[in-house]
């Protein structure tokens, strides 16, 4: 089972992934936790390049680096572990939202890369929805990386992109992040149990 979590910064993805991992472990399921970009040796190196404030990266380069890390993750970990529960912090929907809606890259180009890298459709995608202001309030005191430093207007576009994508896919579930973490987890577990 492949379950992805999406949302802008401060939405609470890390918390919900950990709670869902605990839920599956209590039900004797083998769980893999992954993040994008990252989770492979190559992916983590690409992540460092992408997030470093020392790098000036063009929009197309950013997109291609994201998909290079994703291709490695799919081939090295996701495809060989289809029998396990895979929980992933961001997946290909992030490229549609961030590089497509946020950076303004043609969505058809992104769709072509999704096909080339053979992105497997998730069983569930949970979009934790929060306003950019509230999301960054939760991250007060954190050092901002290159992408997080893109400004509120950028994150408004990303959020709108996520909501647009969610409206197009039955497997995507929008959950307001203003609730308590326990309420959000209960809603996620209920959606999975009902499927």
Protein backbone atom coordinates (compact mmCIF):
# COMPACT_ATOMS: atom_id res chain seq x y z
CA UNK A 1 0.00 0.00 0.00
CA UNK A 2 1.38 3.39 -1.00
CA UNK A 3 0.20 6.40 1.02
CA UNK A 4 1.51 9.88 0.33
CA UNK A 5 1.18 13.02 2.40
CA UNK A 6 1.10 16.45 0.80
CA UNK A 7 0.85 20.01 2.01
CA UNK A 8 2.81 23.21 2.30
CA UNK A 9 5.33 23.89 5.03
CA UNK A 10 3.94 23.60 8.56
CA UNK A 11 0.92 21.50 7.55
CA UNK A 12 1.83 18.68 9.95
CA UNK A 13 2.88 15.93 7.54
CA UNK A 14 5.72 14.62 9.71
CA UNK A 15 3.46 14.28 12.75
CA UNK A 16 0.74 12.46 10.80
CA UNK A 17 3.19 10.11 9.11
CA UNK A 18 4.56 9.07 12.51
CA UNK A 19 1.05 8.54 13.92
CA UNK A 20 0.05 6.45 10.91
CA UNK A 21 3.26 4.42 11.16
CA UNK A 22 2.36 3.60 14.77
CA UNK A 23 -1.18 2.68 13.68
CA UNK A 24 0.09 0.19 11.09
CA UNK A 25 2.77 -1.25 13.38
CA UNK A 26 0.07 -1.96 16.00
CA UNK A 27 -1.74 -3.87 13.25
CA UNK A 28 1.39 -5.92 12.51
CA UNK A 29 2.13 -4.32 9.15
CA UNK A 30 5.65 -3.75 7.85
CA UNK A 31 6.09 -0.03 7.22
CA UNK A 32 8.61 2.00 5.23
CA UNK A 33 8.93 5.74 5.84
CA UNK A 34 10.17 7.77 2.87
CA UNK A 35 10.60 11.43 2.02
CA UNK A 36 10.95 13.42 -1.15
CA UNK A 37 13.41 14.37 -2.25
CA UNK A 38 15.56 11.84 -0.45
CA UNK A 39 15.46 8.37 1.12
CA UNK A 40 18.20 7.00 -1.17
CA UNK A 41 21.88 7.89 -1.25
CA UNK A 42 21.47 9.78 -4.53
CA UNK A 43 18.17 11.30 -3.41
CA UNK A 44 19.70 12.73 -0.24
CA UNK A 45 22.56 14.29 -2.21
CA UNK A 46 20.04 15.86 -4.60
CA UNK A 47 18.00 17.07 -1.60
CA UNK A 48 21.07 18.90 -0.26
CA UNK A 49 21.56 20.63 -3.61
CA UNK A 50 17.89 21.58 -3.92
CA UNK A 51 17.45 22.99 -0.44
CA UNK A 52 20.78 24.77 -0.01
CA UNK A 53 20.48 28.55 0.19
CA UNK A 54 23.92 28.70 -1.46
CA UNK A 55 22.55 27.49 -4.81
CA UNK A 56 20.84 29.55 -7.51
CA UNK A 57 18.75 26.96 -9.34
CA UNK A 58 16.59 27.59 -12.40
CA UNK A 59 12.99 26.41 -12.33
CA UNK A 60 13.61 23.71 -14.95
CA UNK A 61 16.68 22.45 -13.10
CA UNK A 62 14.67 22.31 -9.87
CA UNK A 63 11.98 20.26 -11.61
CA UNK A 64 14.46 17.84 -13.20
CA UNK A 65 16.39 17.36 -9.95
CA UNK A 66 13.13 16.54 -8.15
CA UNK A 67 12.30 13.92 -10.75
CA UNK A 68 15.84 12.51 -10.75
CA UNK A 69 15.57 11.90 -7.00
CA UNK A 70 12.03 10.51 -7.46
CA UNK A 71 13.11 8.12 -10.25
CA UNK A 72 15.82 6.68 -8.01
CA UNK A 73 13.37 6.31 -5.11
CA UNK A 74 10.78 4.54 -7.27
CA UNK A 75 13.30 2.12 -8.79
CA UNK A 76 15.37 1.47 -5.67
CA UNK A 77 12.71 1.33 -2.94
CA UNK A 78 9.06 1.72 -3.99
CA UNK A 79 8.84 -0.90 -6.77
CA UNK A 80 10.74 -3.64 -4.86
CA UNK A 81 8.61 -3.14 -1.72
CA UNK A 82 5.05 -3.21 -3.09
CA UNK A 83 4.04 -5.75 -0.43
CA UNK A 84 4.80 -3.30 2.42
CA UNK A 85 3.01 -0.21 3.65
CA UNK A 86 4.92 2.77 2.25
CA UNK A 87 4.32 6.17 3.82
CA UNK A 88 5.90 8.99 1.85
CA UNK A 89 6.34 12.63 2.80
CA UNK A 90 5.50 14.26 -0.55
CA UNK A 91 5.36 12.54 -3.93
CA UNK A 92 4.77 13.54 -7.56
CA UNK A 93 1.80 15.77 -6.64
CA UNK A 94 4.35 18.06 -4.98
CA UNK A 95 6.00 18.73 -8.34
CA UNK A 96 2.65 19.63 -9.88
CA UNK A 97 1.90 22.00 -6.99
CA UNK A 98 5.38 23.48 -6.38
CA UNK A 99 7.02 23.52 -9.80
CA UNK A 100 3.80 23.65 -11.84
CA UNK A 101 1.46 25.99 -10.00
CA UNK A 102 4.15 27.66 -7.87
CA UNK A 103 6.95 28.15 -10.41
CA UNK A 104 4.71 28.29 -13.48
CA UNK A 105 6.17 25.33 -15.39
CA UNK A 106 3.86 23.87 -18.04
CA UNK A 107 1.83 21.06 -16.42
CA UNK A 108 2.13 18.94 -19.58
CA UNK A 109 5.91 18.82 -19.11
CA UNK A 110 5.39 17.60 -15.55
CA UNK A 111 2.89 14.96 -16.73
CA UNK A 112 5.50 13.71 -19.21
CA UNK A 113 8.06 13.35 -16.42
CA UNK A 114 5.52 11.51 -14.26
CA UNK A 115 5.11 9.03 -17.14
CA UNK A 116 8.85 8.72 -17.88
CA UNK A 117 9.71 8.00 -14.23
CA UNK A 118 6.81 5.51 -13.96
CA UNK A 119 5.30 7.10 -10.88
CA UNK A 120 3.00 4.61 -9.20
CA UNK A 121 -0.37 6.09 -8.27
CA UNK A 122 -0.87 6.11 -4.48
CA UNK A 123 -3.67 4.17 -2.82
CA UNK A 124 -4.28 7.25 -0.68
CA UNK A 125 -2.96 10.80 -0.71
CA UNK A 126 -3.72 13.00 2.27
CA UNK A 127 -3.49 16.72 1.62
CA UNK A 128 -3.09 18.52 4.95
CA UNK A 129 -4.44 21.94 4.14
CA UNK A 130 -3.27 25.09 5.92
CA UNK A 131 -2.88 28.73 4.96
CA UNK A 132 0.69 29.85 4.23
CA UNK A 133 0.60 32.30 7.16
CA UNK A 134 -0.49 29.64 9.64
CA UNK A 135 1.97 27.12 8.23
CA UNK A 136 4.93 29.43 8.68
CA UNK A 137 3.76 30.44 12.15
CA UNK A 138 4.19 26.79 13.12
CA UNK A 139 7.75 26.91 11.82
CA UNK A 140 8.77 30.08 13.63
CA UNK A 141 12.38 29.74 14.71
CA UNK A 142 13.25 27.15 12.04
CA UNK A 143 15.95 28.04 9.55
CA UNK A 144 14.30 28.39 6.14
CA UNK A 145 15.74 26.47 3.19
CA UNK A 146 15.89 27.68 -0.42
CA UNK A 147 12.36 26.58 -1.32
CA UNK A 148 10.81 27.73 1.97
CA UNK A 149 12.29 31.17 1.25
CA UNK A 150 10.18 31.57 -1.91
CA UNK A 151 7.65 33.94 -0.26
CA UNK A 152 3.96 33.90 0.66
CA UNK A 153 2.69 34.55 -2.88
CA UNK A 154 4.50 31.43 -4.06
CA UNK A 155 2.93 29.33 -1.30
CA UNK A 156 -0.54 30.68 -2.06
CA UNK A 157 -0.07 29.37 -5.62
CA UNK A 158 1.21 26.04 -4.31
CA UNK A 159 -1.76 25.65 -1.95
CA UNK A 160 -4.20 26.50 -4.75
CA UNK A 161 -2.42 23.95 -6.93
CA UNK A 162 -2.79 21.25 -4.31
CA UNK A 163 -6.52 21.96 -3.92
CA UNK A 164 -6.96 21.86 -7.71
CA UNK A 165 -5.16 18.51 -7.95
CA UNK A 166 -7.17 17.06 -5.04
CA UNK A 167 -10.43 17.91 -6.81
CA UNK A 168 -9.30 15.76 -9.77
CA UNK A 169 -8.47 12.51 -7.93
CA UNK A 170 -10.72 10.28 -5.83
CA UNK A 171 -7.75 8.90 -3.89
CA UNK A 172 -6.83 12.39 -2.61
CA UNK A 173 -8.40 13.52 0.65
CA UNK A 174 -8.20 17.12 1.87
CA UNK A 175 -7.97 17.41 5.65
CA UNK A 176 -7.91 20.82 7.37
CA UNK A 177 -4.75 21.17 9.47
CA UNK A 178 -6.41 23.47 12.00
CA UNK A 179 -7.70 20.42 13.93
CA UNK A 180 -5.70 18.69 16.64
CA UNK A 181 -3.17 16.08 15.50
CA UNK A 182 -5.29 13.34 17.12
CA UNK A 183 -8.41 14.47 15.24
CA UNK A 184 -6.52 14.53 11.95
CA UNK A 185 -5.09 11.06 12.60
CA UNK A 186 -8.55 9.67 13.47
CA UNK A 187 -9.92 11.04 10.19
CA UNK A 188 -7.03 9.51 8.21
CA UNK A 189 -7.40 6.11 9.92
CA UNK A 190 -11.16 6.17 9.31
CA UNK A 191 -10.67 6.86 5.57
CA UNK A 192 -8.21 3.95 5.28
CA UNK A 193 -10.45 1.56 7.25
CA UNK A 194 -13.51 2.41 5.14
CA UNK A 195 -11.73 1.73 1.83
